[in-house]
């Protein structure tokens, strides 16, 4: 009889603690998409910059890369040489920025989908569709911005970055859930 009372007391305490936690998790679960929404806002705000402003920003980054390389490798290049070198990598810096931001978007979309138990091919398909559709929408948006224009090539570059991000999330989540050393330890403990 005392065993039953003790287990009933423990069980009721368990429900008193975990039921509110489960409700809180259910309420907070939709907030897992907040980083994706913020990333989309960031992409949209970068796309809303005029061609001149966007070009200046990426040129400053290109120049900073070349200048840092010059200092680290002690190349002693003149300002004109640095400007030429910055011009030569400017295009690649812009495209790397495209890939990077869509890589981040894919990660911020994929993790919440994983939380909602979307896995495997469905995760890749759904996150991929959202990222590619947003890339297309973003390029269309740029057609209304001064000095900018839509580019199918940029949608392709964005899609490559997104695909890499989705694959990374898939690999990370799969390796976390399918840890072979964790299984061995469980089996080893059960045999004892």
N, C-alpha and C. Protein backbone atom coordinates (compact mmCIF):
# COMPACT_ATOMS: atom_id res chain seq x y z
N UNK A 1 0.82 -1.20 0.00
CA UNK A 1 0.00 0.00 0.00
C UNK A 1 0.87 1.27 0.00
N UNK A 2 1.92 1.28 0.81
CA UNK A 2 2.79 2.46 0.84
C UNK A 2 3.54 2.62 -0.48
N UNK A 3 3.84 1.47 -1.09
CA UNK A 3 4.51 1.53 -2.40
C UNK A 3 3.61 2.21 -3.43
N UNK A 4 2.33 1.86 -3.43
CA UNK A 4 1.38 2.47 -4.35
C UNK A 4 1.23 3.97 -4.10
N UNK A 5 1.13 4.36 -2.83
CA UNK A 5 1.00 5.77 -2.50
C UNK A 5 2.23 6.56 -2.92
N UNK A 6 3.39 5.96 -2.71
CA UNK A 6 4.63 6.63 -3.09
C UNK A 6 4.70 6.80 -4.61
N UNK A 7 4.34 5.74 -5.36
CA UNK A 7 4.39 5.85 -6.81
C UNK A 7 3.31 6.80 -7.33
N UNK A 8 2.15 6.85 -6.71
CA UNK A 8 1.13 7.80 -7.12
C UNK A 8 1.58 9.23 -6.84
N UNK A 9 2.24 9.43 -5.71
CA UNK A 9 2.74 10.76 -5.37
C UNK A 9 3.82 11.19 -6.37
N UNK A 10 4.72 10.28 -6.71
CA UNK A 10 5.77 10.58 -7.68
C UNK A 10 5.17 10.86 -9.05
N UNK A 11 4.18 10.06 -9.44
CA UNK A 11 3.53 10.24 -10.73
C UNK A 11 2.80 11.58 -10.80
N UNK A 12 2.12 11.96 -9.73
CA UNK A 12 1.41 13.24 -9.75
C UNK A 12 2.40 14.41 -9.76
N UNK A 13 3.53 14.26 -9.09
CA UNK A 13 4.56 15.29 -9.12
C UNK A 13 5.15 15.42 -10.53
N UNK A 14 5.32 14.28 -11.18
CA UNK A 14 5.82 14.25 -12.55
C UNK A 14 4.89 15.04 -13.47
N UNK A 15 3.58 14.78 -13.37
CA UNK A 15 2.61 15.49 -14.21
C UNK A 15 2.55 16.97 -13.86
N UNK A 16 2.72 17.30 -12.60
CA UNK A 16 2.66 18.70 -12.19
C UNK A 16 3.82 19.50 -12.78
N UNK A 17 4.94 18.84 -13.00
CA UNK A 17 6.11 19.54 -13.54
C UNK A 17 6.14 19.49 -15.06
N UNK A 18 5.93 18.32 -15.63
CA UNK A 18 6.13 18.15 -17.07
C UNK A 18 4.95 18.59 -17.93
N UNK A 19 3.75 18.58 -17.41
CA UNK A 19 2.61 19.04 -18.20
C UNK A 19 2.75 20.53 -18.55
N UNK A 20 3.06 21.42 -17.58
CA UNK A 20 3.25 22.83 -17.95
C UNK A 20 4.44 23.02 -18.90
N UNK A 21 5.50 22.21 -18.74
CA UNK A 21 6.65 22.32 -19.63
C UNK A 21 6.26 21.93 -21.06
N UNK A 22 5.43 20.90 -21.19
CA UNK A 22 4.98 20.46 -22.50
C UNK A 22 4.13 21.56 -23.16
N UNK A 23 3.29 22.21 -22.37
CA UNK A 23 2.46 23.31 -22.88
C UNK A 23 3.36 24.48 -23.32
N UNK A 24 4.36 24.79 -22.51
CA UNK A 24 5.29 25.87 -22.84
C UNK A 24 6.06 25.58 -24.12
N UNK A 25 6.51 24.34 -24.27
CA UNK A 25 7.23 23.95 -25.49
C UNK A 25 6.31 24.06 -26.70
N UNK A 26 5.07 23.64 -26.56
CA UNK A 26 4.10 23.74 -27.66
C UNK A 26 3.86 25.19 -28.06
N UNK A 27 3.82 26.08 -27.08
CA UNK A 27 3.60 27.50 -27.35
C UNK A 27 4.84 28.12 -28.02
N UNK A 28 6.03 27.72 -27.57
CA UNK A 28 7.26 28.31 -28.08
C UNK A 28 7.74 27.71 -29.40
N UNK A 29 7.23 26.55 -29.76
CA UNK A 29 7.67 25.85 -30.97
C UNK A 29 7.58 26.72 -32.23
N UNK A 30 6.49 27.43 -32.46
CA UNK A 30 6.43 28.28 -33.67
C UNK A 30 7.51 29.37 -33.70
N UNK A 31 8.01 29.76 -32.54
CA UNK A 31 9.05 30.79 -32.50
C UNK A 31 10.37 30.29 -33.07
N UNK A 32 10.48 28.97 -33.29
CA UNK A 32 11.71 28.44 -33.88
C UNK A 32 11.90 28.93 -35.32
N UNK A 33 10.84 29.44 -35.94
CA UNK A 33 10.94 30.00 -37.29
C UNK A 33 11.38 31.47 -37.27
N UNK A 34 11.49 32.07 -36.11
CA UNK A 34 11.87 33.48 -36.02
C UNK A 34 13.23 33.78 -36.68
N UNK A 35 14.28 32.96 -36.47
CA UNK A 35 15.55 33.24 -37.18
C UNK A 35 15.40 33.21 -38.70
N UNK A 36 14.55 32.33 -39.22
CA UNK A 36 14.33 32.28 -40.68
C UNK A 36 13.66 33.57 -41.15
N UNK A 37 12.69 34.03 -40.41
CA UNK A 37 11.99 35.27 -40.78
C UNK A 37 12.95 36.46 -40.73
N UNK A 38 13.80 36.49 -39.71
CA UNK A 38 14.79 37.58 -39.61
C UNK A 38 15.80 37.50 -40.76
N UNK A 39 16.20 36.30 -41.14
CA UNK A 39 17.13 36.14 -42.26
C UNK A 39 16.49 36.60 -43.55
N UNK A 40 15.21 36.28 -43.74
CA UNK A 40 14.49 36.74 -44.93
C UNK A 40 14.41 38.26 -44.96
N UNK A 41 14.16 38.85 -43.80
CA UNK A 41 14.11 40.31 -43.72
C UNK A 41 15.47 40.91 -44.08
N UNK A 42 16.55 40.29 -43.60
CA UNK A 42 17.90 40.76 -43.90
C UNK A 42 18.17 40.69 -45.41
N UNK A 43 17.81 39.57 -46.02
CA UNK A 43 17.99 39.42 -47.47
C UNK A 43 17.19 40.49 -48.21
N UNK A 44 15.94 40.68 -47.81
CA UNK A 44 15.08 41.66 -48.46
C UNK A 44 15.66 43.07 -48.33
N UNK A 45 16.21 43.38 -47.14
CA UNK A 45 16.77 44.73 -46.95
C UNK A 45 18.04 44.93 -47.78
N UNK A 46 18.87 43.88 -47.92
CA UNK A 46 20.04 44.01 -48.79
C UNK A 46 19.61 44.21 -50.24
N UNK A 47 18.56 43.52 -50.65
CA UNK A 47 18.08 43.64 -52.03
C UNK A 47 17.42 44.99 -52.30
N UNK A 48 16.96 45.64 -51.25
CA UNK A 48 16.32 46.95 -51.41
C UNK A 48 17.34 48.07 -51.59
N UNK A 49 18.63 47.76 -51.37
CA UNK A 49 19.66 48.78 -51.58
C UNK A 49 19.81 49.02 -53.08
N UNK A 50 20.08 50.26 -53.43
CA UNK A 50 20.30 50.57 -54.84
C UNK A 50 21.57 49.87 -55.32
N UNK A 51 21.72 49.79 -56.63
CA UNK A 51 22.89 49.14 -57.20
C UNK A 51 24.18 49.81 -56.76
N UNK A 52 24.14 51.12 -56.65
CA UNK A 52 25.33 51.87 -56.24
C UNK A 52 25.71 51.56 -54.80
N UNK A 53 24.74 51.59 -53.90
CA UNK A 53 25.01 51.33 -52.48
C UNK A 53 25.49 49.89 -52.29
N UNK A 54 24.82 48.95 -52.95
CA UNK A 54 25.19 47.55 -52.85
C UNK A 54 26.60 47.30 -53.39
N UNK A 55 26.90 47.94 -54.52
CA UNK A 55 28.23 47.81 -55.12
C UNK A 55 29.33 48.37 -54.22
N UNK A 56 29.05 49.53 -53.61
CA UNK A 56 30.03 50.14 -52.71
C UNK A 56 30.29 49.25 -51.50
N UNK A 57 29.23 48.68 -50.95
CA UNK A 57 29.38 47.81 -49.78
C UNK A 57 30.24 46.59 -50.11
N UNK A 58 29.94 45.93 -51.21
CA UNK A 58 30.72 44.74 -51.57
C UNK A 58 32.14 45.12 -51.98
N UNK A 59 32.31 46.30 -52.57
CA UNK A 59 33.67 46.74 -52.91
C UNK A 59 34.49 46.99 -51.64
N UNK A 60 33.87 47.61 -50.63
CA UNK A 60 34.58 47.85 -49.36
C UNK A 60 35.04 46.53 -48.75
N UNK A 61 34.17 45.52 -48.81
CA UNK A 61 34.54 44.21 -48.28
C UNK A 61 35.68 43.61 -49.10
N UNK A 62 35.60 43.73 -50.42
CA UNK A 62 36.66 43.22 -51.30
C UNK A 62 37.98 43.92 -51.00
N UNK A 63 37.92 45.22 -50.83
CA UNK A 63 39.14 45.99 -50.54
C UNK A 63 39.71 45.58 -49.19
N UNK A 64 38.82 45.36 -48.21
CA UNK A 64 39.29 44.95 -46.87
C UNK A 64 39.99 43.59 -46.93
N UNK A 65 39.46 42.68 -47.73
CA UNK A 65 40.08 41.36 -47.89
C UNK A 65 41.48 41.49 -48.49
N UNK A 66 41.59 42.28 -49.56
CA UNK A 66 42.87 42.47 -50.24
C UNK A 66 43.87 43.19 -49.32
N UNK A 67 43.38 44.18 -48.59
CA UNK A 67 44.25 44.94 -47.68
C UNK A 67 44.75 44.06 -46.54
N UNK A 68 43.87 43.21 -46.01
CA UNK A 68 44.28 42.29 -44.94
C UNK A 68 45.32 41.30 -45.46
N UNK A 69 45.09 40.77 -46.66
CA UNK A 69 46.06 39.85 -47.28
C UNK A 69 47.40 40.55 -47.46
N UNK A 70 47.36 41.82 -47.89
CA UNK A 70 48.57 42.59 -48.10
C UNK A 70 49.36 42.74 -46.79
N UNK A 71 48.65 43.00 -45.70
CA UNK A 71 49.31 43.18 -44.40
C UNK A 71 49.84 41.86 -43.85
N UNK A 72 49.05 40.81 -43.95
CA UNK A 72 49.45 39.52 -43.39
C UNK A 72 50.65 38.94 -44.15
N UNK A 73 50.60 39.02 -45.48
CA UNK A 73 51.69 38.46 -46.29
C UNK A 73 52.82 39.46 -46.55
N UNK A 74 52.67 40.66 -46.03
CA UNK A 74 53.68 41.71 -46.15
C UNK A 74 54.06 41.93 -47.62
N UNK A 75 53.05 42.14 -48.45
CA UNK A 75 53.27 42.30 -49.89
C UNK A 75 53.66 43.72 -50.29
N UNK A 76 53.41 44.69 -49.45
CA UNK A 76 53.76 46.10 -49.70
C UNK A 76 53.20 46.63 -51.01
N UNK A 77 51.93 46.37 -51.27
CA UNK A 77 51.27 46.86 -52.48
C UNK A 77 50.85 48.31 -52.29
N UNK A 78 50.83 49.06 -53.38
CA UNK A 78 50.38 50.45 -53.35
C UNK A 78 48.84 50.46 -53.30
N UNK A 79 48.30 51.66 -53.07
CA UNK A 79 46.83 51.81 -53.04
C UNK A 79 46.22 51.45 -54.39
N UNK A 80 46.91 51.82 -55.46
CA UNK A 80 46.41 51.50 -56.80
C UNK A 80 46.40 49.99 -57.04
N UNK A 81 47.46 49.31 -56.60
CA UNK A 81 47.52 47.85 -56.74
C UNK A 81 46.43 47.17 -55.91
N UNK A 82 46.18 47.72 -54.72
CA UNK A 82 45.12 47.16 -53.87
C UNK A 82 43.75 47.36 -54.53
N UNK A 83 43.55 48.53 -55.16
CA UNK A 83 42.28 48.82 -55.83
C UNK A 83 42.06 47.86 -57.00
N UNK A 84 43.11 47.59 -57.76
CA UNK A 84 43.01 46.66 -58.89
C UNK A 84 42.70 45.25 -58.38
N UNK A 85 43.39 44.85 -57.31
CA UNK A 85 43.16 43.52 -56.73
C UNK A 85 41.73 43.42 -56.18
N UNK A 86 41.25 44.49 -55.56
CA UNK A 86 39.88 44.49 -55.02
C UNK A 86 38.87 44.38 -56.16
N UNK A 87 39.13 45.08 -57.26
CA UNK A 87 38.25 44.98 -58.44
C UNK A 87 38.22 43.56 -58.99
N UNK A 88 39.36 42.89 -58.94
CA UNK A 88 39.44 41.54 -59.52
C UNK A 88 38.65 40.51 -58.72
N UNK A 89 38.47 40.74 -57.41
CA UNK A 89 37.72 39.77 -56.60
C UNK A 89 36.31 40.24 -56.26
N UNK A 90 35.96 41.45 -56.66
CA UNK A 90 34.67 42.05 -56.32
C UNK A 90 33.50 41.16 -56.72
N UNK A 91 33.51 40.65 -57.94
CA UNK A 91 32.44 39.78 -58.44
C UNK A 91 32.29 38.53 -57.56
N UNK A 92 33.42 37.92 -57.22
CA UNK A 92 33.39 36.69 -56.42
C UNK A 92 32.93 36.93 -54.99
N UNK A 93 33.26 38.09 -54.46
CA UNK A 93 32.79 38.45 -53.11
C UNK A 93 31.26 38.60 -53.13
N UNK A 94 30.74 39.23 -54.16
CA UNK A 94 29.27 39.39 -54.27
C UNK A 94 28.58 38.04 -54.35
N UNK A 95 29.12 37.14 -55.15
CA UNK A 95 28.48 35.82 -55.32
C UNK A 95 28.65 34.97 -54.07
N UNK A 96 29.78 35.11 -53.40
CA UNK A 96 29.98 34.39 -52.13
C UNK A 96 28.99 34.89 -51.07
N UNK A 97 28.69 36.19 -51.12
CA UNK A 97 27.69 36.74 -50.20
C UNK A 97 26.32 36.14 -50.47
N UNK A 98 25.97 35.99 -51.75
CA UNK A 98 24.71 35.34 -52.12
C UNK A 98 24.64 33.94 -51.54
N UNK A 99 25.67 33.15 -51.79
CA UNK A 99 25.69 31.77 -51.31
C UNK A 99 25.61 31.70 -49.79
N UNK A 100 26.35 32.57 -49.12
CA UNK A 100 26.41 32.55 -47.66
C UNK A 100 25.07 32.88 -47.03
N UNK A 101 24.40 33.91 -47.51
CA UNK A 101 23.14 34.31 -46.90
C UNK A 101 22.05 33.25 -47.13
N UNK A 102 22.07 32.60 -48.29
CA UNK A 102 21.09 31.54 -48.53
C UNK A 102 21.47 30.25 -47.83
N UNK A 103 22.73 30.05 -47.58
CA UNK A 103 23.19 28.95 -46.73
C UNK A 103 22.59 29.12 -45.33
N UNK A 104 22.69 30.34 -44.80
CA UNK A 104 22.12 30.64 -43.48
C UNK A 104 20.60 30.52 -43.49
N UNK A 105 19.96 30.97 -44.56
CA UNK A 105 18.51 30.86 -44.65
C UNK A 105 18.09 29.39 -44.63
N UNK A 106 18.79 28.56 -45.35
CA UNK A 106 18.46 27.13 -45.38
C UNK A 106 18.60 26.50 -44.00
N UNK A 107 19.62 26.89 -43.27
CA UNK A 107 19.82 26.36 -41.91
C UNK A 107 18.69 26.83 -41.01
N UNK A 108 18.34 28.11 -41.10
CA UNK A 108 17.30 28.64 -40.21
C UNK A 108 15.91 28.13 -40.56
N UNK A 109 15.74 27.62 -41.77
CA UNK A 109 14.47 26.99 -42.15
C UNK A 109 14.48 25.50 -41.80
N UNK A 110 15.61 24.84 -42.03
CA UNK A 110 15.68 23.39 -41.84
C UNK A 110 15.57 22.95 -40.38
N UNK A 111 16.22 23.66 -39.48
CA UNK A 111 16.14 23.25 -38.07
C UNK A 111 14.71 23.29 -37.52
N UNK A 112 13.94 24.36 -37.75
CA UNK A 112 12.55 24.33 -37.27
C UNK A 112 11.73 23.22 -37.92
N UNK A 113 11.96 22.96 -39.19
CA UNK A 113 11.24 21.85 -39.83
C UNK A 113 11.60 20.53 -39.16
N UNK A 114 12.85 20.40 -38.79
CA UNK A 114 13.28 19.19 -38.07
C UNK A 114 12.57 19.10 -36.72
N UNK A 115 12.40 20.24 -36.07
CA UNK A 115 11.67 20.28 -34.79
C UNK A 115 10.23 19.79 -34.98
N UNK A 116 9.66 20.12 -36.12
CA UNK A 116 8.29 19.69 -36.43
C UNK A 116 8.26 18.30 -37.07
N UNK A 117 9.35 17.56 -36.96
CA UNK A 117 9.48 16.17 -37.41
C UNK A 117 9.40 16.00 -38.92
N UNK A 118 9.80 17.01 -39.66
CA UNK A 118 9.95 16.87 -41.11
C UNK A 118 11.37 16.40 -41.32
N UNK A 119 11.53 15.22 -41.91
CA UNK A 119 12.86 14.62 -42.01
C UNK A 119 13.13 14.12 -43.42
N UNK A 120 14.40 13.78 -43.66
CA UNK A 120 14.81 13.13 -44.90
C UNK A 120 14.51 13.93 -46.15
N UNK A 121 13.96 13.23 -47.14
CA UNK A 121 13.68 13.83 -48.44
C UNK A 121 12.66 14.97 -48.30
N UNK A 122 11.70 14.80 -47.42
CA UNK A 122 10.67 15.83 -47.24
C UNK A 122 11.28 17.13 -46.71
N UNK A 123 12.25 17.00 -45.81
CA UNK A 123 12.93 18.19 -45.29
C UNK A 123 13.68 18.88 -46.42
N UNK A 124 14.43 18.10 -47.20
CA UNK A 124 15.19 18.68 -48.30
C UNK A 124 14.27 19.34 -49.32
N UNK A 125 13.16 18.67 -49.61
CA UNK A 125 12.23 19.19 -50.60
C UNK A 125 11.56 20.47 -50.11
N UNK A 126 11.02 20.45 -48.90
CA UNK A 126 10.29 21.61 -48.38
C UNK A 126 11.22 22.81 -48.15
N UNK A 127 12.35 22.58 -47.49
CA UNK A 127 13.30 23.67 -47.25
C UNK A 127 13.85 24.19 -48.58
N UNK A 128 14.12 23.28 -49.51
CA UNK A 128 14.62 23.68 -50.82
C UNK A 128 13.63 24.52 -51.58
N UNK A 129 12.37 24.12 -51.58
CA UNK A 129 11.32 24.89 -52.27
C UNK A 129 11.20 26.28 -51.67
N UNK A 130 11.20 26.37 -50.34
CA UNK A 130 11.07 27.68 -49.68
C UNK A 130 12.25 28.57 -50.05
N UNK A 131 13.47 28.02 -49.99
CA UNK A 131 14.67 28.83 -50.28
C UNK A 131 14.72 29.26 -51.74
N UNK A 132 14.45 28.35 -52.66
CA UNK A 132 14.51 28.69 -54.08
C UNK A 132 13.39 29.67 -54.45
N UNK A 133 12.21 29.46 -53.88
CA UNK A 133 11.10 30.38 -54.14
C UNK A 133 11.43 31.78 -53.61
N UNK A 134 12.03 31.84 -52.42
CA UNK A 134 12.38 33.15 -51.87
C UNK A 134 13.48 33.79 -52.70
N UNK A 135 14.43 33.00 -53.21
CA UNK A 135 15.49 33.54 -54.08
C UNK A 135 14.87 34.12 -55.35
N UNK A 136 13.89 33.42 -55.92
CA UNK A 136 13.21 33.93 -57.11
C UNK A 136 12.44 35.21 -56.80
N UNK A 137 11.73 35.21 -55.68
CA UNK A 137 10.99 36.41 -55.26
C UNK A 137 11.95 37.57 -55.04
N UNK A 138 13.09 37.30 -54.43
CA UNK A 138 14.08 38.33 -54.13
C UNK A 138 14.64 38.93 -55.42
N UNK A 139 14.92 38.09 -56.40
CA UNK A 139 15.42 38.60 -57.68
C UNK A 139 14.35 39.42 -58.39
N UNK A 140 13.10 38.98 -58.30
CA UNK A 140 12.00 39.75 -58.87
C UNK A 140 11.89 41.12 -58.18
N UNK A 141 12.05 41.11 -56.85
CA UNK A 141 12.01 42.35 -56.07
C UNK A 141 13.10 43.31 -56.55
N UNK A 142 14.27 42.77 -56.90
CA UNK A 142 15.38 43.63 -57.34
C UNK A 142 15.08 44.33 -58.66
N UNK A 143 14.14 43.80 -59.43
CA UNK A 143 13.81 44.45 -60.71
C UNK A 143 13.14 45.81 -60.50
N UNK A 144 12.68 46.07 -59.29
CA UNK A 144 12.04 47.35 -58.98
C UNK A 144 12.99 48.33 -58.26
N UNK A 145 14.24 47.90 -58.04
CA UNK A 145 15.20 48.73 -57.32
C UNK A 145 16.14 49.38 -58.32
N UNK A 146 16.42 50.67 -58.11
CA UNK A 146 17.29 51.42 -59.03
C UNK A 146 18.69 50.80 -59.11
N UNK A 147 19.14 50.60 -60.34
CA UNK A 147 20.48 50.08 -60.55
C UNK A 147 20.62 48.58 -60.32
N UNK A 148 19.50 47.89 -60.09
CA UNK A 148 19.53 46.45 -59.87
C UNK A 148 18.64 45.78 -60.90
N UNK A 149 18.83 44.50 -61.04
CA UNK A 149 17.99 43.75 -61.97
C UNK A 149 17.94 42.28 -61.57
N UNK A 150 16.93 41.57 -62.05
CA UNK A 150 16.82 40.16 -61.71
C UNK A 150 17.85 39.32 -62.47
N UNK A 151 18.29 38.25 -61.86
CA UNK A 151 19.28 37.39 -62.50
C UNK A 151 18.98 35.93 -62.15
N UNK A 152 18.74 35.13 -63.17
CA UNK A 152 18.50 33.70 -62.96
C UNK A 152 19.78 33.05 -62.43
N UNK A 153 20.92 33.57 -62.86
CA UNK A 153 22.21 33.05 -62.38
C UNK A 153 22.32 33.20 -60.86
N UNK A 154 21.87 34.33 -60.33
CA UNK A 154 21.90 34.55 -58.88
C UNK A 154 20.97 33.59 -58.15
N UNK A 155 19.83 33.29 -58.75
CA UNK A 155 18.92 32.30 -58.14
C UNK A 155 19.62 30.94 -58.06
N UNK A 156 20.37 30.60 -59.11
CA UNK A 156 21.14 29.35 -59.09
C UNK A 156 22.21 29.35 -58.02
N UNK A 157 22.92 30.46 -57.87
CA UNK A 157 23.97 30.58 -56.85
C UNK A 157 23.34 30.51 -55.46
N UNK A 158 22.21 31.21 -55.28
CA UNK A 158 21.49 31.16 -54.01
C UNK A 158 21.07 29.72 -53.69
N UNK A 159 20.60 29.02 -54.70
CA UNK A 159 20.12 27.64 -54.53
C UNK A 159 21.25 26.70 -54.12
N UNK A 160 22.43 26.91 -54.67
CA UNK A 160 23.59 26.09 -54.28
C UNK A 160 23.91 26.30 -52.79
N UNK A 161 23.92 27.56 -52.36
CA UNK A 161 24.16 27.85 -50.94
C UNK A 161 23.10 27.23 -50.06
N UNK A 162 21.84 27.30 -50.49
CA UNK A 162 20.74 26.72 -49.71
C UNK A 162 20.87 25.20 -49.64
N UNK A 163 21.20 24.58 -50.76
CA UNK A 163 21.33 23.13 -50.79
C UNK A 163 22.45 22.65 -49.84
N UNK A 164 23.55 23.37 -49.82
CA UNK A 164 24.65 23.03 -48.91
C UNK A 164 24.18 23.15 -47.45
N UNK A 165 23.43 24.22 -47.15
CA UNK A 165 22.92 24.39 -45.79
C UNK A 165 21.96 23.29 -45.39
N UNK A 166 21.08 22.90 -46.30
CA UNK A 166 20.11 21.83 -46.02
C UNK A 166 20.85 20.51 -45.77
N UNK A 167 21.83 20.21 -46.61
CA UNK A 167 22.61 18.98 -46.44
C UNK A 167 23.36 18.97 -45.11
N UNK A 168 23.88 20.13 -44.73
CA UNK A 168 24.60 20.22 -43.46
C UNK A 168 23.66 19.94 -42.28
N UNK A 169 22.47 20.51 -42.30
CA UNK A 169 21.50 20.26 -41.24
C UNK A 169 21.11 18.78 -41.21
N UNK A 170 20.87 18.20 -42.40
CA UNK A 170 20.53 16.78 -42.48
C UNK A 170 21.63 15.92 -41.86
N UNK A 171 22.87 16.20 -42.23
CA UNK A 171 24.00 15.42 -41.72
C UNK A 171 24.15 15.59 -40.21
N UNK A 172 24.02 16.83 -39.74
CA UNK A 172 24.17 17.09 -38.31
C UNK A 172 23.08 16.38 -37.50
N UNK A 173 21.84 16.53 -37.94
CA UNK A 173 20.73 15.92 -37.21
C UNK A 173 20.78 14.40 -37.29
N UNK A 174 21.14 13.87 -38.44
CA UNK A 174 21.23 12.42 -38.59
C UNK A 174 22.33 11.87 -37.69
N UNK A 175 23.49 12.53 -37.67
CA UNK A 175 24.60 12.04 -36.85
C UNK A 175 24.29 12.16 -35.36
N UNK A 176 23.51 13.15 -35.00
CA UNK A 176 23.13 13.32 -33.59
C UNK A 176 22.14 12.24 -33.16
N UNK A 177 21.17 11.94 -34.02
CA UNK A 177 20.16 10.95 -33.67
C UNK A 177 20.62 9.52 -33.88
N UNK A 178 21.58 9.32 -34.76
CA UNK A 178 22.05 7.97 -35.07
C UNK A 178 23.50 7.78 -34.65
N UNK A 179 23.79 8.15 -33.43
CA UNK A 179 25.14 8.05 -32.89
C UNK A 179 25.46 6.58 -32.61
N UNK A 180 26.35 5.95 -33.38
CA UNK A 180 26.62 4.53 -33.18
C UNK A 180 27.27 4.23 -31.83
N UNK A 181 28.06 5.13 -31.28
CA UNK A 181 28.67 4.87 -29.97
C UNK A 181 27.63 4.91 -28.87
N UNK A 182 26.62 5.75 -29.02
CA UNK A 182 25.55 5.81 -28.02
C UNK A 182 24.74 4.52 -28.00
N UNK A 183 24.52 3.90 -29.15
CA UNK A 183 23.78 2.64 -29.23
C UNK A 183 24.56 1.52 -28.56
N UNK A 184 25.85 1.48 -28.84
CA UNK A 184 26.67 0.43 -28.24
C UNK A 184 26.65 0.52 -26.73
N UNK A 185 26.73 1.73 -26.22
CA UNK A 185 26.72 1.91 -24.78
C UNK A 185 25.39 1.44 -24.19
N UNK A 186 24.28 1.75 -24.86
CA UNK A 186 22.97 1.31 -24.36
C UNK A 186 22.88 -0.20 -24.35
N UNK A 187 23.29 -0.83 -25.46
CA UNK A 187 23.24 -2.29 -25.54
C UNK A 187 24.14 -2.91 -24.49
N UNK A 188 25.32 -2.31 -24.32
CA UNK A 188 26.27 -2.85 -23.34
C UNK A 188 25.68 -2.75 -21.93
N UNK A 189 25.03 -1.65 -21.61
CA UNK A 189 24.42 -1.48 -20.29
C UNK A 189 23.26 -2.46 -20.09
N UNK A 190 22.48 -2.71 -21.14
CA UNK A 190 21.34 -3.62 -21.01
C UNK A 190 21.78 -5.04 -20.77
N UNK A 191 22.95 -5.44 -21.30
CA UNK A 191 23.43 -6.80 -21.10
C UNK A 191 23.82 -7.05 -19.67
N UNK A 192 24.29 -6.03 -18.99
CA UNK A 192 24.71 -6.19 -17.59
C UNK A 192 23.53 -6.45 -16.75
